Amino acid sequence: GAPAVDALSELLETTEEGILHVWGLRTLAAIQPASLAEPHLSLVAAYLRDGSVSSPSTLTAKVQREALAVFSMQGQAAEDYASTIGKCLESSEWSVRAAAARTFAKLPEAISKHYLERIAALLSDMIPDVVEAAAATLAAFSRLAGPHAVQLAQVFSDDDDKASEAARRAFKSMLRSPSFDVREAAASALRGGQPEAILHLVPELVQVARNDEDRHVREEALRVLAGLGPEAPKAAVDVAAVLLQDTSTILRRAAVEALAAMGPAATAAHEEELRQLLVSAPGGLRRAVEDALRPL
């Protein structure tokens, strides 16, 4: 309660023992009310400002991580200190960079949205834990992550690591986003991606290719599935076959090219539908069908 918070704040103001700072901040984070009143937040923020954020000592970095943990639970009350938290994204201590990114993941979107570009820059960090923290934060705000889809795709792989898992979560959410721009950015960024990684997103890509309200997004999703080649699962082959009957000539041609890319087995399984297209297909589509049927 308030007396305990006041007592801890007094301790933090008076002690010169660094380890007590760490203990006090951790305890403060555990017992704090929904939002700490002033002057407590100002005191916590001082731990992020004091010492050199550009080259903190090991103890300073630990204290800063604990201060960030306190802010991560403050909700809208942390708004006045967002720029101070943001500076920690540039710390030379990797654990502080990661902690700052994770702090923004827990703060309201109205605060964190202003820092997503700087967080996305951490996707190219040399430290895997920092990359994972950045990817996880973008996953938490996936509806705003469209501009950073290409950066996310660069860390999205089939590797069994936290960064790839976080990127996978982000793409799953982005492909389900109500925003056309976000769905399009996600599908476009995934083209040419590692097939083993794309396999994790087949259900979402099939759903987009089959049902998205935007023709261009559907085409992008279909071309991502085509990139799986002969390893494409039945669900991917089936949605390409369904789109052979689409009203859009562009989508029908993309479906033909997808089946061809998925190999002779996929093409042979739908040879009849492909030959039916030859009856009334316009020039570009006809040539695509002929190319697809040639190996059979």
Protein backbone atom coordinates (compact mmCIF):
# COMPACT_ATOMS: atom_id res chain seq x y z
CA GLY A 1 0.00 0.00 0.00
CA ALA A 2 0.93 3.69 0.09
CA PRO A 3 2.97 3.56 3.36
CA ALA A 4 5.14 0.77 1.96
CA VAL A 5 5.65 2.64 -1.30
CA ASP A 6 6.61 5.79 0.63
CA ALA A 7 9.06 3.84 2.78
CA LEU A 8 10.68 2.26 -0.25
CA SER A 9 10.92 5.62 -2.00
CA GLU A 10 12.66 7.09 1.04
CA LEU A 11 15.10 4.19 0.98
CA LEU A 12 15.79 4.72 -2.72
CA GLU A 13 16.37 8.43 -2.15
CA THR A 14 18.82 7.97 0.71
CA THR A 15 20.78 4.80 0.08
CA GLU A 16 24.06 4.86 -1.77
CA GLU A 17 24.26 1.09 -1.95
CA GLY A 18 23.58 0.09 -5.55
CA ILE A 19 22.28 -3.37 -4.75
CA LEU A 20 19.66 -1.83 -2.46
CA HIS A 21 18.52 0.24 -5.40
CA VAL A 22 17.91 -2.96 -7.34
CA TRP A 23 16.11 -4.60 -4.45
CA GLY A 24 13.99 -1.51 -3.79
CA LEU A 25 12.94 -1.13 -7.41
CA ARG A 26 12.03 -4.80 -7.72
CA THR A 27 9.95 -4.63 -4.55
CA LEU A 28 8.34 -1.38 -5.67
CA ALA A 29 7.29 -3.05 -8.93
CA ALA A 30 5.78 -5.95 -6.99
CA ILE A 31 3.69 -3.91 -4.54
CA GLN A 32 2.92 -0.76 -6.52
CA PRO A 33 -0.69 0.28 -6.89
CA ALA A 34 -2.28 0.52 -10.34
CA SER A 35 -0.36 3.73 -10.94
CA LEU A 36 2.33 5.16 -8.71
CA ALA A 37 1.72 8.73 -7.64
CA GLU A 38 4.35 11.39 -7.85
CA PRO A 39 7.04 11.82 -6.72
CA HIS A 40 7.58 8.09 -7.02
CA LEU A 41 7.55 7.92 -10.83
CA SER A 42 9.97 10.83 -11.06
CA LEU A 43 12.29 8.96 -8.73
CA VAL A 44 12.07 5.81 -10.83
CA ALA A 45 12.72 7.83 -14.00
CA ALA A 46 15.83 9.27 -12.41
CA TYR A 47 17.37 5.80 -12.48
CA LEU A 48 17.02 5.82 -16.26
CA ARG A 49 18.56 9.27 -16.57
CA ASP A 50 21.33 8.99 -13.97
CA GLY A 51 24.47 7.16 -14.84
CA SER A 52 25.53 6.91 -18.44
CA VAL A 53 22.87 5.31 -20.61
CA SER A 54 25.41 5.23 -23.44
CA SER A 55 27.91 3.19 -21.43
CA PRO A 56 26.33 1.95 -18.19
CA SER A 57 28.11 -0.19 -15.68
CA THR A 58 26.80 -3.69 -15.06
CA LEU A 59 25.10 -2.50 -11.85
CA THR A 60 23.69 0.61 -13.53
CA ALA A 61 22.24 -1.58 -16.28
CA LYS A 62 20.62 -3.84 -13.70
CA VAL A 63 19.10 -0.86 -11.90
CA GLN A 64 17.80 0.52 -15.20
CA ARG A 65 16.18 -2.80 -16.06
CA GLU A 66 14.36 -2.77 -12.73
CA ALA A 67 13.25 0.82 -13.32
CA LEU A 68 11.89 -0.20 -16.73
CA ALA A 69 10.01 -3.07 -15.07
CA VAL A 70 8.26 -0.54 -12.84
CA PHE A 71 7.26 1.60 -15.83
CA SER A 72 5.97 -1.43 -17.72
CA MET A 73 3.16 -1.68 -15.16
CA GLN A 74 2.16 1.98 -15.14
CA GLY A 75 -0.10 2.13 -18.18
CA GLN A 76 -1.03 5.64 -19.28
CA ALA A 77 0.77 7.09 -16.27
CA ALA A 78 4.05 6.33 -18.04
CA GLU A 79 3.28 8.76 -20.87
CA ASP A 80 5.28 11.66 -19.42
CA TYR A 81 8.32 9.42 -19.21
CA ALA A 82 8.07 7.76 -22.63
CA SER A 83 10.95 9.75 -24.10
CA THR A 84 13.16 8.70 -21.18
CA ILE A 85 12.20 5.06 -21.76
CA GLY A 86 12.80 5.56 -25.48
CA LYS A 87 16.37 6.68 -24.92
CA CYS A 88 17.05 3.29 -23.36
CA LEU A 89 16.43 1.72 -26.78
CA GLU A 90 19.81 3.18 -27.73
CA SER A 91 21.73 1.99 -24.68
CA SER A 92 25.08 0.34 -25.32
CA GLU A 93 24.01 -2.35 -22.83
CA TRP A 94 22.01 -4.95 -24.73
CA SER A 95 19.92 -5.98 -21.75
CA VAL A 96 18.69 -2.39 -21.33
CA ARG A 97 17.78 -2.16 -25.03
CA ALA A 98 15.80 -5.39 -24.76
CA ALA A 99 14.10 -4.32 -21.52
CA ALA A 100 13.08 -0.98 -23.05
CA ALA A 101 11.51 -2.73 -26.05
CA ARG A 102 9.61 -5.09 -23.75
CA THR A 103 8.44 -2.15 -21.66
CA PHE A 104 6.82 -0.54 -24.70
CA ALA A 105 5.10 -3.86 -25.46
CA LYS A 106 3.24 -3.54 -22.16
CA LEU A 107 2.35 0.15 -22.42
CA PRO A 108 -0.79 1.46 -24.16
CA GLU A 109 -0.72 1.70 -27.94
CA ALA A 110 -1.22 5.47 -27.73
CA ILE A 111 2.22 5.71 -26.11
CA SER A 112 4.15 2.95 -27.83
CA LYS A 113 3.10 3.72 -31.41
CA HIS A 114 5.49 6.67 -31.47
CA TYR A 115 8.46 4.35 -30.82
CA LEU A 116 7.74 1.44 -33.17
CA GLU A 117 10.14 2.68 -35.84
CA ARG A 118 12.99 2.80 -33.34
CA ILE A 119 11.97 -0.60 -31.98
CA ALA A 120 11.89 -2.05 -35.52
CA ALA A 121 15.47 -0.84 -35.98
CA LEU A 122 16.45 -3.26 -33.21
CA LEU A 123 15.49 -6.16 -35.50
CA SER A 124 18.98 -5.79 -36.97
CA ASP A 125 20.65 -5.80 -33.56
CA MET A 126 23.60 -8.14 -33.12
CA ILE A 127 22.15 -9.62 -29.92
CA PRO A 128 19.42 -12.28 -30.42
CA ASP A 129 17.63 -11.33 -27.18
CA VAL A 130 17.25 -7.75 -28.40
CA VAL A 131 15.92 -8.94 -31.77
CA GLU A 132 13.40 -11.18 -29.97
CA ALA A 133 12.25 -8.29 -27.75
CA ALA A 134 11.77 -6.04 -30.78
CA ALA A 135 9.86 -8.70 -32.73
CA ALA A 136 7.66 -9.47 -29.74
CA THR A 137 6.80 -5.80 -29.32
CA LEU A 138 5.86 -5.48 -32.99
CA ALA A 139 3.74 -8.61 -32.59
CA ALA A 140 1.95 -6.92 -29.68
CA PHE A 141 1.09 -4.00 -31.96
CA SER A 142 0.66 -6.00 -35.15
CA ARG A 143 -2.06 -3.74 -36.54
CA LEU A 144 0.56 -0.97 -36.70
CA ALA A 145 3.42 -3.18 -37.89
CA GLY A 146 2.77 -2.95 -41.64
CA PRO A 147 5.56 -0.44 -42.31
CA HIS A 148 8.00 -2.81 -40.62
CA ALA A 149 6.93 -6.05 -42.32
CA VAL A 150 10.05 -6.25 -44.50
CA GLN A 151 12.29 -5.90 -41.44
CA LEU A 152 10.28 -8.58 -39.65
CA ALA A 153 10.59 -10.90 -42.65
CA GLN A 154 14.37 -10.70 -42.38
CA VAL A 155 14.30 -12.37 -38.96
CA PHE A 156 11.48 -14.78 -39.81
CA SER A 157 12.91 -18.25 -40.32
CA ASP A 158 12.27 -21.84 -39.36
CA ASP A 159 14.89 -21.62 -36.63
CA ASP A 160 13.62 -22.69 -33.25
CA ASP A 161 14.48 -19.44 -31.51
CA LYS A 162 12.47 -16.75 -29.76
CA ALA A 163 13.04 -14.11 -32.42
CA SER A 164 11.62 -16.33 -35.18
CA GLU A 165 8.69 -17.32 -32.95
CA ALA A 166 7.91 -13.67 -32.25
CA ALA A 167 8.12 -12.79 -35.96
CA ARG A 168 5.82 -15.71 -36.71
CA ARG A 169 3.27 -14.41 -34.19
CA ALA A 170 3.50 -10.97 -35.75
CA PHE A 171 2.84 -12.27 -39.27
CA LYS A 172 -0.06 -14.45 -38.13
CA SER A 173 -1.68 -11.41 -36.55
CA MET A 174 -0.91 -9.16 -39.51
CA LEU A 175 -2.46 -11.58 -42.00
CA ARG A 176 -5.63 -11.55 -39.89
CA SER A 177 -5.62 -7.78 -39.49
CA PRO A 178 -8.79 -5.84 -40.37
CA SER A 179 -6.54 -3.34 -42.13
CA PHE A 180 -5.98 -3.92 -45.84
CA ASP A 181 -2.63 -2.12 -45.70
CA VAL A 182 -1.33 -4.41 -42.97
CA ARG A 183 -2.47 -7.62 -44.71
CA GLU A 184 -0.94 -6.46 -47.99
CA ALA A 185 2.34 -5.47 -46.34
CA ALA A 186 2.58 -8.83 -44.59
CA ALA A 187 1.87 -10.90 -47.70
CA SER A 188 4.23 -8.82 -49.85
CA ALA A 189 7.04 -9.08 -47.29
CA LEU A 190 6.74 -12.87 -47.19
CA ARG A 191 7.27 -13.37 -50.93
CA GLY A 192 10.59 -15.09 -51.45
CA GLY A 193 10.75 -16.11 -47.81
CA GLN A 194 12.27 -19.32 -46.51
CA PRO A 195 9.82 -22.11 -47.49
CA GLU A 196 10.34 -23.96 -44.21
CA ALA A 197 9.27 -20.82 -42.36
CA ILE A 198 6.33 -20.06 -44.66
CA LEU A 199 4.91 -23.51 -43.93
CA HIS A 200 4.06 -22.25 -40.43
CA LEU A 201 1.75 -19.64 -42.00
CA VAL A 202 -0.08 -21.82 -44.51
CA PRO A 203 -3.49 -21.70 -42.72
CA GLU A 204 -3.43 -17.89 -42.61
CA LEU A 205 -2.19 -17.56 -46.19
CA VAL A 206 -4.82 -19.99 -47.50
CA GLN A 207 -7.54 -18.03 -45.71
CA VAL A 208 -6.30 -14.75 -47.20
CA ALA A 209 -5.93 -16.21 -50.71
CA ARG A 210 -9.42 -17.68 -50.59
CA ASN A 211 -11.44 -14.99 -48.85
CA ASP A 212 -9.69 -11.62 -48.66
CA GLU A 213 -11.85 -8.78 -49.88
CA ASP A 214 -8.98 -7.29 -51.85
CA ARG A 215 -7.88 -8.96 -55.06
CA HIS A 216 -4.29 -7.77 -54.79
CA VAL A 217 -3.89 -9.17 -51.27
CA ARG A 218 -5.29 -12.51 -52.42
CA GLU A 219 -2.80 -12.58 -55.30
CA GLU A 220 0.11 -11.78 -52.98
CA ALA A 221 -0.89 -14.58 -50.59
CA LEU A 222 -1.22 -17.03 -53.47
CA ARG A 223 2.23 -16.16 -54.78
CA VAL A 224 3.70 -16.71 -51.32
CA LEU A 225 2.13 -20.19 -51.32
CA ALA A 226 3.47 -20.79 -54.83
CA GLY A 227 6.95 -20.17 -53.43
CA LEU A 228 6.62 -23.39 -51.44
CA GLY A 229 7.10 -25.29 -54.70
CA PRO A 230 6.67 -29.07 -54.69
CA GLU A 231 6.67 -29.01 -50.88
CA ALA A 232 3.37 -27.11 -50.85
CA PRO A 233 0.82 -28.91 -48.66
CA LYS A 234 -2.55 -30.02 -50.00
CA ALA A 235 -4.32 -26.96 -48.55
CA ALA A 236 -2.13 -24.68 -50.68
CA VAL A 237 -2.70 -26.75 -53.82
CA ASP A 238 -6.44 -26.83 -53.17
CA VAL A 239 -6.80 -23.07 -52.81
CA ALA A 240 -4.88 -22.54 -56.05
CA ALA A 241 -7.29 -24.95 -57.75
CA VAL A 242 -10.29 -23.07 -56.35
CA LEU A 243 -8.94 -19.79 -57.72
CA LEU A 244 -8.81 -21.24 -61.23
CA GLN A 245 -12.53 -20.41 -61.27
CA ASP A 246 -12.21 -16.88 -59.90
CA THR A 247 -13.86 -14.02 -61.78
CA SER A 248 -10.55 -12.12 -61.89
CA THR A 249 -8.36 -13.01 -64.86
CA ILE A 250 -5.32 -11.88 -62.89
CA LEU A 251 -6.14 -14.27 -60.05
CA ARG A 252 -6.86 -17.14 -62.44
CA ARG A 253 -3.47 -16.64 -64.07
CA ALA A 254 -1.77 -16.45 -60.64
CA ALA A 255 -3.51 -19.71 -59.72
CA VAL A 256 -2.26 -21.41 -62.90
CA GLU A 257 1.28 -20.21 -62.24
CA ALA A 258 1.02 -21.33 -58.62
CA LEU A 259 0.02 -24.86 -59.60
CA ALA A 260 2.88 -24.98 -62.09
CA ALA A 261 5.31 -23.82 -59.40
CA MET A 262 4.00 -26.48 -57.04
CA GLY A 263 5.15 -29.16 -59.47
CA PRO A 264 3.82 -31.76 -61.93
CA ALA A 265 1.85 -33.60 -59.25
CA ALA A 266 -0.15 -30.49 -58.40
CA THR A 267 -0.70 -29.67 -62.06
CA ALA A 268 -1.72 -33.22 -62.94
CA ALA A 269 -4.22 -33.35 -60.09
CA HIS A 270 -6.07 -30.43 -61.69
CA GLU A 271 -5.33 -31.08 -65.37
CA GLU A 272 -9.01 -31.17 -66.28
CA GLU A 273 -9.71 -27.74 -64.79
CA LEU A 274 -6.65 -26.33 -66.53
CA ARG A 275 -7.73 -27.70 -69.91
CA GLN A 276 -11.19 -26.21 -69.43
CA LEU A 277 -9.58 -22.79 -69.09
CA LEU A 278 -8.13 -23.14 -72.59
CA VAL A 279 -11.63 -22.96 -74.08
CA SER A 280 -12.18 -19.28 -73.38
CA ALA A 281 -8.96 -18.01 -71.81
CA PRO A 282 -7.55 -14.69 -73.07
CA GLY A 283 -4.02 -14.62 -74.47
CA GLY A 284 -1.91 -14.18 -71.35
CA LEU A 285 -3.90 -16.69 -69.34
CA ARG A 286 -3.89 -19.18 -72.24
CA ARG A 287 -0.10 -19.05 -72.49
CA ALA A 288 0.21 -19.61 -68.73
CA VAL A 289 -2.05 -22.67 -68.96
CA GLU A 290 -0.11 -24.06 -71.92
CA ASP A 291 3.15 -23.60 -70.01
CA ALA A 292 1.70 -25.34 -66.97
CA LEU A 293 0.45 -28.31 -69.01
CA ARG A 294 3.62 -28.73 -71.08
CA PRO A 295 5.44 -31.04 -68.60
CA LEU A 296 2.47 -33.44 -68.47
